[in-house]
C-alpha atoms as a PDB file:
ATOM      1  CA  MET A   1     116.735 105.135 101.560  1.00  0.00           C
ATOM      2  CA  SER A   2     117.353 102.281 103.907  1.00  0.00           C
ATOM      3  CA  GLY A   3     116.581 102.042 107.556  1.00  0.00           C
ATOM      4  CA  THR A   4     113.468 103.201 109.306  1.00  0.00           C
ATOM      5  CA  LEU A   5     111.580 106.369 110.126  1.00  0.00           C
ATOM      6  CA  ARG A   6     110.297 107.073 113.617  1.00  0.00           C
ATOM      7  CA  ILE A   7     107.025 108.992 113.237  1.00  0.00           C
ATOM      8  CA  THR A   8     105.160 110.592 116.158  1.00  0.00           C
ATOM      9  CA  LEU A   9     101.709 112.190 116.074  1.00  0.00           C
ATOM     10  CA  VAL A  10     102.115 115.564 117.821  1.00  0.00           C
ATOM     11  CA  LYS A  11      98.868 117.335 116.863  1.00  0.00           C
ATOM     12  CA  SER A  12      95.324 116.038 117.064  1.00  0.00           C
ATOM     13  CA  MET A  13      93.476 114.883 113.983  1.00  0.00           C
ATOM     14  CA  ILE A  14      90.227 116.402 115.276  1.00  0.00           C
ATOM     15  CA  GLY A  15      88.813 118.787 112.689  1.00  0.00           C
ATOM     16  CA  ARG A  16      91.216 117.631 109.973  1.00  0.00           C
ATOM     17  CA  PRO A  17      90.076 116.529 106.503  1.00  0.00           C
ATOM     18  CA  GLU A  18      89.210 112.867 106.055  1.00  0.00           C
ATOM     19  CA  LYS A  19      92.186 112.406 103.686  1.00  0.00           C
ATOM     20  CA  HIS A  20      94.587 113.383 106.467  1.00  0.00           C
ATOM     21  CA  ARG A  21      92.862 111.037 108.918  1.00  0.00           C
ATOM     22  CA  LYS A  22      93.136 108.147 106.463  1.00  0.00           C
ATOM     23  CA  VAL A  23      96.837 108.796 105.948  1.00  0.00           C
ATOM     24  CA  LEU A  24      97.445 108.830 109.707  1.00  0.00           C
ATOM     25  CA  ARG A  25      95.453 105.634 110.238  1.00  0.00           C
ATOM     26  CA  GLY A  26      97.329 104.040 107.355  1.00  0.00           C
ATOM     27  CA  MET A  27     100.575 104.728 109.156  1.00  0.00           C
ATOM     28  CA  GLY A  28      99.159 103.256 112.372  1.00  0.00           C
ATOM     29  CA  LEU A  29      98.793 106.541 114.248  1.00  0.00           C
ATOM     30  CA  THR A  30      95.489 106.754 116.114  1.00  0.00           C
ATOM     31  CA  LYS A  31      96.246 108.688 119.298  1.00  0.00           C
ATOM     32  CA  MET A  32      98.334 111.700 120.254  1.00  0.00           C
ATOM     33  CA  ASN A  33     102.002 111.126 121.125  1.00  0.00           C
ATOM     34  CA  ARG A  34     101.986 107.621 119.664  1.00  0.00           C
ATOM     35  CA  THR A  35     105.142 106.637 117.825  1.00  0.00           C
ATOM     36  CA  VAL A  36     105.501 104.105 115.033  1.00  0.00           C
ATOM     37  CA  GLU A  37     108.553 102.885 113.174  1.00  0.00           C
ATOM     38  CA  LEU A  38     108.064 102.327 109.456  1.00  0.00           C
ATOM     39  CA  LYS A  39     110.439 101.342 106.673  1.00  0.00           C
ATOM     40  CA  ASP A  40     111.926 104.304 104.872  1.00  0.00           C
ATOM     41  CA  THR A  41     110.258 103.991 101.455  1.00  0.00           C
ATOM     42  CA  PRO A  42     109.068 106.611  98.972  1.00  0.00           C
ATOM     43  CA  ALA A  43     105.448 105.737  99.841  1.00  0.00           C
ATOM     44  CA  VAL A  44     105.975 106.376 103.548  1.00  0.00           C
ATOM     45  CA  ARG A  45     107.900 109.578 102.801  1.00  0.00           C
ATOM     46  CA  GLY A  46     104.939 110.782 100.740  1.00  0.00           C
ATOM     47  CA  MET A  47     102.518 110.003 103.566  1.00  0.00           C
ATOM     48  CA  VAL A  48     104.680 111.930 106.023  1.00  0.00           C
ATOM     49  CA  GLN A  49     104.844 114.873 103.634  1.00  0.00           C
ATOM     50  CA  LYS A  50     101.023 114.976 103.356  1.00  0.00           C
ATOM     51  CA  VAL A  51     100.586 115.317 107.133  1.00  0.00           C
ATOM     52  CA  SER A  52     103.903 116.963 108.015  1.00  0.00           C
ATOM     53  CA  HIS A  53     102.067 119.634 110.014  1.00  0.00           C
ATOM     54  CA  LEU A  54     100.681 116.933 112.351  1.00  0.00           C
ATOM     55  CA  VAL A  55     103.683 114.647 112.845  1.00  0.00           C
ATOM     56  CA  THR A  56     107.386 114.672 113.552  1.00  0.00           C
ATOM     57  CA  ALA A  57     109.626 112.263 111.703  1.00  0.00           C
ATOM     58  CA  GLU A  58     113.199 111.315 112.427  1.00  0.00           C
ATOM     59  CA  GLU A  59     115.496 108.898 110.635  1.00  0.00           C
ATOM     60  CA  LYS A  60     116.743 105.869 112.466  1.00  0.00           C
ATOM     61  CA  LYS A  61     119.547 103.829 110.950  1.00  0.00           C
END
């Protein structure tokens, strides 16, 4: 797992549980259609998996 992940928030966090909001804020996603690039680590993969219904993730080498 080397490289980076490009993660985009595609659904609003309005009405979502506080745990999901904290995960999104932890990744640096605060507004719709914002994209962040994070290192591809098991921790980041776990965060993406928790909120997979709200984000899209693509691998970037």
